[in-house]
Amino acid sequence: MDNESEAPYLSNSRNVAWKVWLVVSDAHKGLFAAIQKCFVGSVRKRCKVHFMRNILAPVPTREKEGFIKQLKLVWSQKDAEHAQACAHELEKEYGQSFPKTIECLMDGLGDCTHG
């Protein structure tokens, strides 16, 4: 798409003729709005790859390796409740150092965890 507004996503999505049960995407607001209108009743999950890129953007390169190891623990949890608990541990450890990173994680975690 040329931009992140709802209109181009809505236009393309209306051409889909099959039932969509699950949509995995990045967090463009226009895309989310189009999904809600075109695929009523479908489940939308946020793409973890794109989400991790968003989370890691503010983390300095020298800190990324250790942070990524702990972040992967969040994704490996058996359900959303355990993922939230694991994310809170990350928040305790890195909240002061990387507040934007932790804010991004906490704000979007529910969009990509199962359960």
PDB file of N, CA and C in Angstrom:
ATOM      1  N   MET A   1       0.829  -1.178   0.000  1.00  0.00           N
ATOM      2  CA  MET A   1       0.000   0.000   0.000  1.00  0.00           C
ATOM      3  C   MET A   1       0.878   1.247   0.000  1.00  0.00           C
ATOM      4  N   ASP A   2       0.369   2.300  -0.608  1.00  0.00           N
ATOM      5  CA  ASP A   2       1.111   3.555  -0.662  1.00  0.00           C
ATOM      6  C   ASP A   2       1.107   4.297   0.662  1.00  0.00           C
ATOM      7  N   ASN A   3       0.102   4.059   1.481  1.00  0.00           N
ATOM      8  CA  ASN A   3       0.028   4.731   2.777  1.00  0.00           C
ATOM      9  C   ASN A   3      -0.657   3.812   3.773  1.00  0.00           C
ATOM     10  N   GLU A   4      -0.779   4.270   4.995  1.00  0.00           N
ATOM     11  CA  GLU A   4      -1.333   3.430   6.050  1.00  0.00           C
ATOM     12  C   GLU A   4      -2.777   3.757   6.380  1.00  0.00           C
ATOM     13  N   SER A   5      -3.441   4.516   5.514  1.00  0.00           N
ATOM     14  CA  SER A   5      -4.837   4.849   5.785  1.00  0.00           C
ATOM     15  C   SER A   5      -5.724   3.638   5.514  1.00  0.00           C
ATOM     16  N   GLU A   6      -6.942   3.723   5.949  1.00  0.00           N
ATOM     17  CA  GLU A   6      -7.876   2.609   5.833  1.00  0.00           C
ATOM     18  C   GLU A   6      -8.304   2.342   4.396  1.00  0.00           C
ATOM     19  N   ALA A   7      -8.486   3.372   3.590  1.00  0.00           N
ATOM     20  CA  ALA A   7      -9.090   3.242   2.259  1.00  0.00           C
ATOM     21  C   ALA A   7      -8.425   2.197   1.349  1.00  0.00           C
ATOM     22  N   PRO A   8      -7.100   2.209   1.165  1.00  0.00           N
ATOM     23  CA  PRO A   8      -6.528   1.204   0.254  1.00  0.00           C
ATOM     24  C   PRO A   8      -6.679  -0.223   0.768  1.00  0.00           C
ATOM     25  N   TYR A   9      -6.578  -0.406   2.059  1.00  0.00           N
ATOM     26  CA  TYR A   9      -6.753  -1.752   2.620  1.00  0.00           C
ATOM     27  C   TYR A   9      -8.195  -2.203   2.450  1.00  0.00           C
ATOM     28  N   LEU A  10      -9.126  -1.301   2.697  1.00  0.00           N
ATOM     29  CA  LEU A  10     -10.535  -1.612   2.579  1.00  0.00           C
ATOM     30  C   LEU A  10     -10.880  -1.988   1.145  1.00  0.00           C
ATOM     31  N   SER A  11     -10.356  -1.240   0.199  1.00  0.00           N
ATOM     32  CA  SER A  11     -10.606  -1.503  -1.218  1.00  0.00           C
ATOM     33  C   SER A  11     -10.118  -2.891  -1.611  1.00  0.00           C
ATOM     34  N   ASN A  12      -8.906  -3.233  -1.246  1.00  0.00           N
ATOM     35  CA  ASN A  12      -8.360  -4.547  -1.594  1.00  0.00           C
ATOM     36  C   ASN A  12      -9.043  -5.675  -0.838  1.00  0.00           C
ATOM     37  N   SER A  13      -9.379  -5.458   0.413  1.00  0.00           N
ATOM     38  CA  SER A  13      -9.956  -6.510   1.240  1.00  0.00           C
ATOM     39  C   SER A  13     -11.361  -6.884   0.793  1.00  0.00           C
ATOM     40  N   ARG A  14     -12.083  -5.944   0.242  1.00  0.00           N
ATOM     41  CA  ARG A  14     -13.454  -6.240  -0.205  1.00  0.00           C
ATOM     42  C   ARG A  14     -13.475  -7.144  -1.427  1.00  0.00           C
ATOM     43  N   ASN A  15     -12.345  -7.297  -2.101  1.00  0.00           N
ATOM     44  CA  ASN A  15     -12.267  -8.168  -3.264  1.00  0.00           C
ATOM     45  C   ASN A  15     -12.052  -9.629  -2.886  1.00  0.00           C
ATOM     46  N   VAL A  16     -11.847  -9.909  -1.621  1.00  0.00           N
ATOM     47  CA  VAL A  16     -11.627 -11.280  -1.163  1.00  0.00           C
ATOM     48  C   VAL A  16     -12.982 -11.976  -1.051  1.00  0.00           C
ATOM     49  N   ALA A  17     -13.107 -13.151  -1.688  1.00  0.00           N
ATOM     50  CA  ALA A  17     -14.404 -13.812  -1.764  1.00  0.00           C
ATOM     51  C   ALA A  17     -14.536 -15.003  -0.814  1.00  0.00           C
ATOM     52  N   TRP A  18     -13.542 -15.287   0.003  1.00  0.00           N
ATOM     53  CA  TRP A  18     -13.625 -16.439   0.880  1.00  0.00           C
ATOM     54  C   TRP A  18     -13.731 -16.011   2.336  1.00  0.00           C
ATOM     55  N   LYS A  19     -14.095 -16.943   3.182  1.00  0.00           N
ATOM     56  CA  LYS A  19     -14.232 -16.673   4.613  1.00  0.00           C
ATOM     57  C   LYS A  19     -12.845 -16.632   5.239  1.00  0.00           C
ATOM     58  N   VAL A  20     -12.561 -15.571   5.956  1.00  0.00           N
ATOM     59  CA  VAL A  20     -11.273 -15.404   6.620  1.00  0.00           C
ATOM     60  C   VAL A  20     -11.497 -15.581   8.119  1.00  0.00           C
ATOM     61  N   TRP A  21     -10.776 -16.508   8.720  1.00  0.00           N
ATOM     62  CA  TRP A  21     -10.913 -16.787  10.142  1.00  0.00           C
ATOM     63  C   TRP A  21      -9.853 -16.098  10.982  1.00  0.00           C
ATOM     64  N   LEU A  22      -8.656 -15.949  10.411  1.00  0.00           N
ATOM     65  CA  LEU A  22      -7.535 -15.374  11.145  1.00  0.00           C
ATOM     66  C   LEU A  22      -6.767 -14.427  10.231  1.00  0.00           C
ATOM     67  N   VAL A  23      -6.479 -13.251  10.744  1.00  0.00           N
ATOM     68  CA  VAL A  23      -5.675 -12.280  10.010  1.00  0.00           C
ATOM     69  C   VAL A  23      -4.475 -11.928  10.881  1.00  0.00           C
ATOM     70  N   VAL A  24      -3.275 -12.109  10.340  1.00  0.00           N
ATOM     71  CA  VAL A  24      -2.042 -11.738  11.028  1.00  0.00           C
ATOM     72  C   VAL A  24      -1.437 -10.583  10.238  1.00  0.00           C
ATOM     73  N   SER A  25      -1.194  -9.475  10.933  1.00  0.00           N
ATOM     74  CA  SER A  25      -0.694  -8.294  10.233  1.00  0.00           C
ATOM     75  C   SER A  25       0.131  -7.439  11.173  1.00  0.00           C
ATOM     76  N   ASP A  26       0.738  -6.400  10.609  1.00  0.00           N
ATOM     77  CA  ASP A  26       1.382  -5.423  11.463  1.00  0.00           C
ATOM     78  C   ASP A  26       0.295  -4.508  12.026  1.00  0.00           C
ATOM     79  N   ALA A  27       0.683  -3.487  12.736  1.00  0.00           N
ATOM     80  CA  ALA A  27      -0.284  -2.716  13.515  1.00  0.00           C
ATOM     81  C   ALA A  27      -0.732  -1.411  12.855  1.00  0.00           C
ATOM     82  N   HIS A  28      -0.756  -1.352  11.538  1.00  0.00           N
ATOM     83  CA  HIS A  28      -1.253  -0.139  10.881  1.00  0.00           C
ATOM     84  C   HIS A  28      -2.717   0.061  11.251  1.00  0.00           C
ATOM     85  N   LYS A  29      -3.046   1.244  11.753  1.00  0.00           N
ATOM     86  CA  LYS A  29      -4.415   1.524  12.181  1.00  0.00           C
ATOM     87  C   LYS A  29      -5.415   1.371  11.046  1.00  0.00           C
ATOM     88  N   GLY A  30      -5.049   1.804   9.843  1.00  0.00           N
ATOM     89  CA  GLY A  30      -5.942   1.666   8.699  1.00  0.00           C
ATOM     90  C   GLY A  30      -6.211   0.213   8.359  1.00  0.00           C
ATOM     91  N   LEU A  31      -5.193  -0.611   8.466  1.00  0.00           N
ATOM     92  CA  LEU A  31      -5.352  -2.039   8.202  1.00  0.00           C
ATOM     93  C   LEU A  31      -6.262  -2.674   9.242  1.00  0.00           C
ATOM     94  N   PHE A  32      -6.062  -2.342  10.506  1.00  0.00           N
ATOM     95  CA  PHE A  32      -6.929  -2.873  11.555  1.00  0.00           C
ATOM     96  C   PHE A  32      -8.386  -2.499  11.294  1.00  0.00           C
ATOM     97  N   ALA A  33      -8.635  -1.257  10.924  1.00  0.00           N
ATOM     98  CA  ALA A  33     -10.002  -0.797  10.668  1.00  0.00           C
ATOM     99  C   ALA A  33     -10.617  -1.553   9.492  1.00  0.00           C
ATOM    100  N   ALA A  34      -9.845  -1.755   8.434  1.00  0.00           N
ATOM    101  CA  ALA A  34     -10.342  -2.483   7.271  1.00  0.00           C
ATOM    102  C   ALA A  34     -10.638  -3.940   7.617  1.00  0.00           C
ATOM    103  N   ILE A  35      -9.803  -4.558   8.411  1.00  0.00           N
ATOM    104  CA  ILE A  35     -10.021  -5.950   8.829  1.00  0.00           C
ATOM    105  C   ILE A  35     -11.333  -6.074   9.583  1.00  0.00           C
ATOM    106  N   GLN A  36     -11.584  -5.142  10.494  1.00  0.00           N
ATOM    107  CA  GLN A  36     -12.826  -5.183  11.278  1.00  0.00           C
ATOM    108  C   GLN A  36     -14.061  -5.052  10.396  1.00  0.00           C
ATOM    109  N   LYS A  37     -13.972  -4.267   9.332  1.00  0.00           N
ATOM    110  CA  LYS A  37     -15.124  -4.058   8.452  1.00  0.00           C
ATOM    111  C   LYS A  37     -15.307  -5.179   7.436  1.00  0.00           C
ATOM    112  N   CYS A  38     -14.216  -5.703   6.915  1.00  0.00           N
ATOM    113  CA  CYS A  38     -14.299  -6.688   5.831  1.00  0.00           C
ATOM    114  C   CYS A  38     -14.361  -8.127   6.309  1.00  0.00           C
ATOM    115  N   PHE A  39     -13.752  -8.411   7.417  1.00  0.00           N
ATOM    116  CA  PHE A  39     -13.665  -9.792   7.889  1.00  0.00           C
ATOM    117  C   PHE A  39     -14.324  -9.913   9.258  1.00  0.00           C
ATOM    118  N   VAL A  40     -15.587  -9.544   9.297  1.00  0.00           N
ATOM    119  CA  VAL A  40     -16.346  -9.550  10.548  1.00  0.00           C
ATOM    120  C   VAL A  40     -16.321 -10.956  11.146  1.00  0.00           C
ATOM    121  N   GLY A  41     -15.988 -11.019  12.411  1.00  0.00           N
ATOM    122  CA  GLY A  41     -15.941 -12.299  13.109  1.00  0.00           C
ATOM    123  C   GLY A  41     -14.583 -12.980  13.061  1.00  0.00           C
ATOM    124  N   SER A  42     -13.666 -12.451  12.279  1.00  0.00           N
ATOM    125  CA  SER A  42     -12.339 -13.063  12.218  1.00  0.00           C
ATOM    126  C   SER A  42     -11.513 -12.631  13.429  1.00  0.00           C
ATOM    127  N   VAL A  43     -10.498 -13.388  13.707  1.00  0.00           N
ATOM    128  CA  VAL A  43      -9.566 -13.074  14.784  1.00  0.00           C
ATOM    129  C   VAL A  43      -8.373 -12.362  14.154  1.00  0.00           C
ATOM    130  N   ARG A  44      -7.956 -11.267  14.774  1.00  0.00           N
ATOM    131  CA  ARG A  44      -6.806 -10.530  14.276  1.00  0.00           C
ATOM    132  C   ARG A  44      -5.687 -10.643  15.291  1.00  0.00           C
ATOM    133  N   LYS A  45      -4.541 -11.046  14.826  1.00  0.00           N
ATOM    134  CA  LYS A  45      -3.343 -11.112  15.668  1.00  0.00           C
ATOM    135  C   LYS A  45      -2.260 -10.262  15.039  1.00  0.00           C
ATOM    136  N   ARG A  46      -1.458  -9.677  15.876  1.00  0.00           N
ATOM    137  CA  ARG A  46      -0.364  -8.837  15.405  1.00  0.00           C
ATOM    138  C   ARG A  46       0.840  -9.709  15.070  1.00  0.00           C
ATOM    139  N   CYS A  47       1.469  -9.426  13.965  1.00  0.00           N
ATOM    140  CA  CYS A  47       2.648 -10.170  13.533  1.00  0.00           C
ATOM    141  C   CYS A  47       3.779  -9.961  14.550  1.00  0.00           C
ATOM    142  N   LYS A  48       4.294 -11.048  15.079  1.00  0.00           N
ATOM    143  CA  LYS A  48       5.349 -10.949  16.088  1.00  0.00           C
ATOM    144  C   LYS A  48       6.654 -10.402  15.516  1.00  0.00           C
ATOM    145  N   VAL A  49       6.943 -10.688  14.261  1.00  0.00           N
ATOM    146  CA  VAL A  49       8.173 -10.184  13.654  1.00  0.00           C
ATOM    147  C   VAL A  49       8.141  -8.657  13.585  1.00  0.00           C
ATOM    148  N   HIS A  50       7.051  -8.116  13.059  1.00  0.00           N
ATOM    149  CA  HIS A  50       6.926  -6.656  12.993  1.00  0.00           C
ATOM    150  C   HIS A  50       6.887  -6.046  14.398  1.00  0.00           C
ATOM    151  N   PHE A  51       6.183  -6.711  15.294  1.00  0.00           N
ATOM    152  CA  PHE A  51       6.071  -6.209  16.658  1.00  0.00           C
ATOM    153  C   PHE A  51       7.439  -6.187  17.338  1.00  0.00           C
ATOM    154  N   MET A  52       8.224  -7.241  17.151  1.00  0.00           N
ATOM    155  CA  MET A  52       9.561  -7.269  17.757  1.00  0.00           C
ATOM    156  C   MET A  52      10.429  -6.152  17.196  1.00  0.00           C
ATOM    157  N   ARG A  53      10.297  -5.866  15.920  1.00  0.00           N
ATOM    158  CA  ARG A  53      11.057  -4.750  15.339  1.00  0.00           C
ATOM    159  C   ARG A  53      10.668  -3.438  16.014  1.00  0.00           C
ATOM    160  N   ASN A  54       9.369  -3.255  16.242  1.00  0.00           N
ATOM    161  CA  ASN A  54       8.905  -2.040  16.919  1.00  0.00           C
ATOM    162  C   ASN A  54       9.436  -1.963  18.341  1.00  0.00           C
ATOM    163  N   ILE A  55       9.389  -3.072  19.036  1.00  0.00           N
ATOM    164  CA  ILE A  55       9.843  -3.124  20.427  1.00  0.00           C
ATOM    165  C   ILE A  55      11.337  -2.813  20.513  1.00  0.00           C
ATOM    166  N   LEU A  56      12.117  -3.414  19.626  1.00  0.00           N
ATOM    167  CA  LEU A  56      13.574  -3.336  19.708  1.00  0.00           C
ATOM    168  C   LEU A  56      14.174  -2.046  19.146  1.00  0.00           C
ATOM    169  N   ALA A  57      13.406  -1.289  18.403  1.00  0.00           N
ATOM    170  CA  ALA A  57      13.951  -0.090  17.755  1.00  0.00           C
ATOM    171  C   ALA A  57      14.685   0.840  18.727  1.00  0.00           C
ATOM    172  N   PRO A  58      14.160   1.121  19.923  1.00  0.00           N
ATOM    173  CA  PRO A  58      14.871   2.049  20.821  1.00  0.00           C
ATOM    174  C   PRO A  58      16.024   1.420  21.613  1.00  0.00           C
ATOM    175  N   VAL A  59      16.165   0.108  21.558  1.00  0.00           N
ATOM    176  CA  VAL A  59      17.187  -0.565  22.363  1.00  0.00           C
ATOM    177  C   VAL A  59      18.543  -0.435  21.663  1.00  0.00           C
ATOM    178  N   PRO A  60      19.565   0.051  22.387  1.00  0.00           N
ATOM    179  CA  PRO A  60      20.901   0.161  21.783  1.00  0.00           C
ATOM    180  C   PRO A  60      21.423  -1.206  21.343  1.00  0.00           C
ATOM    181  N   THR A  61      22.189  -1.227  20.281  1.00  0.00           N
ATOM    182  CA  THR A  61      22.706  -2.471  19.711  1.00  0.00           C
ATOM    183  C   THR A  61      23.401  -3.330  20.760  1.00  0.00           C
ATOM    184  N   ARG A  62      24.206  -2.726  21.603  1.00  0.00           N
ATOM    185  CA  ARG A  62      24.962  -3.504  22.598  1.00  0.00           C
ATOM    186  C   ARG A  62      24.048  -4.177  23.632  1.00  0.00           C
ATOM    187  N   GLU A  63      22.822  -3.721  23.762  1.00  0.00           N
ATOM    188  CA  GLU A  63      21.878  -4.275  24.739  1.00  0.00           C
ATOM    189  C   GLU A  63      20.889  -5.266  24.122  1.00  0.00           C
ATOM    190  N   LYS A  64      20.830  -5.317  22.799  1.00  0.00           N
ATOM    191  CA  LYS A  64      19.781  -6.086  22.123  1.00  0.00           C
ATOM    192  C   LYS A  64      19.854  -7.576  22.400  1.00  0.00           C
ATOM    193  N   GLU A  65      21.036  -8.146  22.379  1.00  0.00           N
ATOM    194  CA  GLU A  65      21.144  -9.597  22.521  1.00  0.00           C
ATOM    195  C   GLU A  65      20.518 -10.093  23.821  1.00  0.00           C
ATOM    196  N   GLY A  66      20.871  -9.468  24.927  1.00  0.00           N
ATOM    197  CA  GLY A  66      20.308  -9.875  26.213  1.00  0.00           C
ATOM    198  C   GLY A  66      18.822  -9.615  26.304  1.00  0.00           C
ATOM    199  N   PHE A  67      18.391  -8.490  25.758  1.00  0.00           N
ATOM    200  CA  PHE A  67      16.965  -8.165  25.794  1.00  0.00           C
ATOM    201  C   PHE A  67      16.169  -9.153  24.949  1.00  0.00           C
ATOM    202  N   ILE A  68      16.684  -9.485  23.771  1.00  0.00           N
ATOM    203  CA  ILE A  68      15.987 -10.419  22.881  1.00  0.00           C
ATOM    204  C   ILE A  68      15.811 -11.780  23.541  1.00  0.00           C
ATOM    205  N   LYS A  69      16.836 -12.257  24.232  1.00  0.00           N
ATOM    206  CA  LYS A  69      16.728 -13.556  24.911  1.00  0.00           C
ATOM    207  C   LYS A  69      15.557 -13.553  25.877  1.00  0.00           C
ATOM    208  N   GLN A  70      15.414 -12.492  26.627  1.00  0.00           N
ATOM    209  CA  GLN A  70      14.316 -12.423  27.588  1.00  0.00           C
ATOM    210  C   GLN A  70      12.974 -12.182  26.903  1.00  0.00           C
ATOM    211  N   LEU A  71      12.981 -11.411  25.833  1.00  0.00           N
ATOM    212  CA  LEU A  71      11.746 -11.170  25.093  1.00  0.00           C
ATOM    213  C   LEU A  71      11.212 -12.464  24.488  1.00  0.00           C
ATOM    214  N   LYS A  72      12.097 -13.313  24.025  1.00  0.00           N
ATOM    215  CA  LYS A  72      11.673 -14.593  23.449  1.00  0.00           C
ATOM    216  C   LYS A  72      10.962 -15.464  24.482  1.00  0.00           C
ATOM    217  N   LEU A  73      11.306 -15.284  25.739  1.00  0.00           N
ATOM    218  CA  LEU A  73      10.606 -16.021  26.795  1.00  0.00           C
ATOM    219  C   LEU A  73       9.129 -15.627  26.851  1.00  0.00           C
ATOM    220  N   VAL A  74       8.846 -14.375  26.570  1.00  0.00           N
ATOM    221  CA  VAL A  74       7.449 -13.925  26.547  1.00  0.00           C
ATOM    222  C   VAL A  74       6.685 -14.703  25.487  1.00  0.00           C
ATOM    223  N   TRP A  75       7.273 -14.830  24.290  1.00  0.00           N
ATOM    224  CA  TRP A  75       6.571 -15.517  23.197  1.00  0.00           C
ATOM    225  C   TRP A  75       6.447 -17.019  23.427  1.00  0.00           C
ATOM    226  N   SER A  76       7.296 -17.583  24.243  1.00  0.00           N
ATOM    227  CA  SER A  76       7.275 -19.038  24.428  1.00  0.00           C
ATOM    228  C   SER A  76       6.298 -19.494  25.518  1.00  0.00           C
ATOM    229  N   GLN A  77       5.618 -18.587  26.147  1.00  0.00           N
ATOM    230  CA  GLN A  77       4.690 -18.955  27.213  1.00  0.00           C
ATOM    231  C   GLN A  77       3.469 -19.680  26.659  1.00  0.00           C
ATOM    232  N   LYS A  78       2.870 -20.524  27.495  1.00  0.00           N
ATOM    233  CA  LYS A  78       1.767 -21.371  27.028  1.00  0.00           C
ATOM    234  C   LYS A  78       0.456 -20.626  26.832  1.00  0.00           C
ATOM    235  N   ASP A  79       0.301 -19.468  27.456  1.00  0.00           N
ATOM    236  CA  ASP A  79      -0.934 -18.711  27.291  1.00  0.00           C
ATOM    237  C   ASP A  79      -0.692 -17.229  27.561  1.00  0.00           C
ATOM    238  N   ALA A  80      -1.717 -16.433  27.307  1.00  0.00           N
ATOM    239  CA  ALA A  80      -1.598 -14.979  27.431  1.00  0.00           C
ATOM    240  C   ALA A  80      -1.289 -14.553  28.866  1.00  0.00           C
ATOM    241  N   GLU A  81      -1.849 -15.242  29.827  1.00  0.00           N
ATOM    242  CA  GLU A  81      -1.614 -14.896  31.237  1.00  0.00           C
ATOM    243  C   GLU A  81      -0.143 -15.045  31.605  1.00  0.00           C
ATOM    244  N   HIS A  82       0.462 -16.142  31.193  1.00  0.00           N
ATOM    245  CA  HIS A  82       1.876 -16.360  31.485  1.00  0.00           C
ATOM    246  C   HIS A  82       2.765 -15.395  30.691  1.00  0.00           C
ATOM    247  N   ALA A  83       2.353 -15.080  29.465  1.00  0.00           N
ATOM    248  CA  ALA A  83       3.109 -14.120  28.662  1.00  0.00           C
ATOM    249  C   ALA A  83       3.091 -12.744  29.341  1.00  0.00           C
ATOM    250  N   GLN A  84       1.941 -12.348  29.869  1.00  0.00           N
ATOM    251  CA  GLN A  84       1.838 -11.077  30.584  1.00  0.00           C
ATOM    252  C   GLN A  84       2.752 -11.061  31.810  1.00  0.00           C
ATOM    253  N   ALA A  85       2.756 -12.149  32.556  1.00  0.00           N
ATOM    254  CA  ALA A  85       3.610 -12.234  33.748  1.00  0.00           C
ATOM    255  C   ALA A  85       5.086 -12.121  33.367  1.00  0.00           C
ATOM    256  N   CYS A  86       5.463 -12.779  32.306  1.00  0.00           N
ATOM    257  CA  CYS A  86       6.845 -12.726  31.826  1.00  0.00           C
ATOM    258  C   CYS A  86       7.191 -11.309  31.350  1.00  0.00           C
ATOM    259  N   ALA A  87       6.249 -10.664  30.688  1.00  0.00           N
ATOM    260  CA  ALA A  87       6.461  -9.282  30.226  1.00  0.00           C
ATOM    261  C   ALA A  87       6.625  -8.341  31.410  1.00  0.00           C
ATOM    262  N   HIS A  88       5.914  -8.591  32.488  1.00  0.00           N
ATOM    263  CA  HIS A  88       6.054  -7.755  33.686  1.00  0.00           C
ATOM    264  C   HIS A  88       7.441  -7.907  34.307  1.00  0.00           C
ATOM    265  N   GLU A  89       8.022  -9.096  34.190  1.00  0.00           N
ATOM    266  CA  GLU A  89       9.396  -9.286  34.658  1.00  0.00           C
ATOM    267  C   GLU A  89      10.374  -8.447  33.812  1.00  0.00           C
ATOM    268  N   LEU A  90      10.145  -8.435  32.506  1.00  0.00           N
ATOM    269  CA  LEU A  90      10.955  -7.582  31.631  1.00  0.00           C
ATOM    270  C   LEU A  90      10.782  -6.114  32.007  1.00  0.00           C
ATOM    271  N   GLU A  91       9.560  -5.752  32.326  1.00  0.00           N
ATOM    272  CA  GLU A  91       9.271  -4.367  32.713  1.00  0.00           C
ATOM    273  C   GLU A  91      10.045  -3.980  33.974  1.00  0.00           C
ATOM    274  N   LYS A  92      10.095  -4.888  34.939  1.00  0.00           N
ATOM    275  CA  LYS A  92      10.835  -4.615  36.173  1.00  0.00           C
ATOM    276  C   LYS A  92      12.324  -4.408  35.887  1.00  0.00           C
ATOM    277  N   GLU A  93      12.850  -5.245  35.004  1.00  0.00           N
ATOM    278  CA  GLU A  93      14.286  -5.195  34.733  1.00  0.00           C
ATOM    279  C   GLU A  93      14.690  -4.037  33.816  1.00  0.00           C
ATOM    280  N   TYR A  94      13.868  -3.740  32.810  1.00  0.00           N
ATOM    281  CA  TYR A  94      14.266  -2.772  31.788  1.00  0.00           C
ATOM    282  C   TYR A  94      13.420  -1.503  31.756  1.00  0.00           C
ATOM    283  N   GLY A  95      12.419  -1.398  32.593  1.00  0.00           N
ATOM    284  CA  GLY A  95      11.519  -0.256  32.548  1.00  0.00           C
ATOM    285  C   GLY A  95      12.204   1.084  32.715  1.00  0.00           C
ATOM    286  N   GLN A  96      13.183   1.153  33.582  1.00  0.00           N
ATOM    287  CA  GLN A  96      13.909   2.410  33.792  1.00  0.00           C
ATOM    288  C   GLN A  96      14.853   2.712  32.635  1.00  0.00           C
ATOM    289  N   SER A  97      15.490   1.682  32.110  1.00  0.00           N
ATOM    290  CA  SER A  97      16.476   1.873  31.041  1.00  0.00           C
ATOM    291  C   SER A  97      15.842   2.140  29.682  1.00  0.00           C
ATOM    292  N   PHE A  98      14.771   1.436  29.389  1.00  0.00           N
ATOM    293  CA  PHE A  98      14.142   1.506  28.077  1.00  0.00           C
ATOM    294  C   PHE A  98      12.635   1.701  28.202  1.00  0.00           C
ATOM    295  N   PRO A  99      12.196   2.832  28.705  1.00  0.00           N
ATOM    296  CA  PRO A  99      10.762   3.022  28.940  1.00  0.00           C
ATOM    297  C   PRO A  99       9.913   2.942  27.663  1.00  0.00           C
ATOM    298  N   LYS A 100      10.402   3.454  26.538  1.00  0.00           N
ATOM    299  CA  LYS A 100       9.621   3.397  25.291  1.00  0.00           C
ATOM    300  C   LYS A 100       9.488   1.967  24.800  1.00  0.00           C
ATOM    301  N   THR A 101      10.544   1.191  24.970  1.00  0.00           N
ATOM    302  CA  THR A 101      10.523  -0.207  24.568  1.00  0.00           C
ATOM    303  C   THR A 101       9.493  -0.978  25.383  1.00  0.00           C
ATOM    304  N   ILE A 102       9.518  -0.785  26.678  1.00  0.00           N
ATOM    305  CA  ILE A 102       8.586  -1.488  27.561  1.00  0.00           C
ATOM    306  C   ILE A 102       7.159  -1.019  27.312  1.00  0.00           C
ATOM    307  N   GLU A 103       6.973   0.262  27.082  1.00  0.00           N
ATOM    308  CA  GLU A 103       5.641   0.779  26.777  1.00  0.00           C
ATOM    309  C   GLU A 103       5.092   0.132  25.506  1.00  0.00           C
ATOM    310  N   CYS A 104       5.920   0.028  24.487  1.00  0.00           N
ATOM    311  CA  CYS A 104       5.520  -0.615  23.235  1.00  0.00           C
ATOM    312  C   CYS A 104       5.119  -2.073  23.478  1.00  0.00           C
ATOM    313  N   LEU A 105       5.936  -2.787  24.230  1.00  0.00           N
ATOM    314  CA  LEU A 105       5.646  -4.182  24.549  1.00  0.00           C
ATOM    315  C   LEU A 105       4.322  -4.324  25.283  1.00  0.00           C
ATOM    316  N   MET A 106       4.151  -3.555  26.322  1.00  0.00           N
ATOM    317  CA  MET A 106       2.958  -3.697  27.159  1.00  0.00           C
ATOM    318  C   MET A 106       1.689  -3.264  26.423  1.00  0.00           C
ATOM    319  N   ASP A 107       1.811  -2.240  25.594  1.00  0.00           N
ATOM    320  CA  ASP A 107       0.646  -1.751  24.849  1.00  0.00           C
ATOM    321  C   ASP A 107       0.173  -2.741  23.795  1.00  0.00           C
ATOM    322  N   GLY A 108       1.087  -3.474  23.181  1.00  0.00           N
ATOM    323  CA  GLY A 108       0.710  -4.339  22.068  1.00  0.00           C
ATOM    324  C   GLY A 108       0.705  -5.824  22.345  1.00  0.00           C
ATOM    325  N   LEU A 109       1.089  -6.212  23.535  1.00  0.00           N
ATOM    326  CA  LEU A 109       1.229  -7.655  23.825  1.00  0.00           C
ATOM    327  C   LEU A 109      -0.057  -8.419  23.613  1.00  0.00           C
ATOM    328  N   GLY A 110      -1.163  -7.858  24.030  1.00  0.00           N
ATOM    329  CA  GLY A 110      -2.449  -8.554  23.873  1.00  0.00           C
ATOM    330  C   GLY A 110      -2.825  -8.813  22.424  1.00  0.00           C
ATOM    331  N   ASP A 111      -2.273  -8.026  21.506  1.00  0.00           N
ATOM    332  CA  ASP A 111      -2.586  -8.193  20.082  1.00  0.00           C
ATOM    333  C   ASP A 111      -1.888  -9.402  19.446  1.00  0.00           C
ATOM    334  N   CYS A 112      -0.905  -9.978  20.129  1.00  0.00           N
ATOM    335  CA  CYS A 112      -0.197 -11.080  19.477  1.00  0.00           C
ATOM    336  C   CYS A 112      -0.027 -12.312  20.362  1.00  0.00           C
ATOM    337  N   THR A 113      -0.625 -12.313  21.537  1.00  0.00           N
ATOM    338  CA  THR A 113      -0.571 -13.520  22.351  1.00  0.00           C
ATOM    339  C   THR A 113      -1.823 -14.348  22.115  1.00  0.00           C
ATOM    340  N   HIS A 114      -1.696 -15.613  22.334  1.00  0.00           N
ATOM    341  CA  HIS A 114      -2.848 -16.500  22.147  1.00  0.00           C
ATOM    342  C   HIS A 114      -3.584 -16.638  23.477  1.00  0.00           C
ATOM    343  N   GLY A 115      -4.827 -16.965  23.347  1.00  0.00           N
ATOM    344  CA  GLY A 115      -5.607 -17.203  24.560  1.00  0.00           C
ATOM    345  C   GLY A 115      -6.647 -16.168  24.810  1.00  0.00           C
TER     346      GLY A 115
END
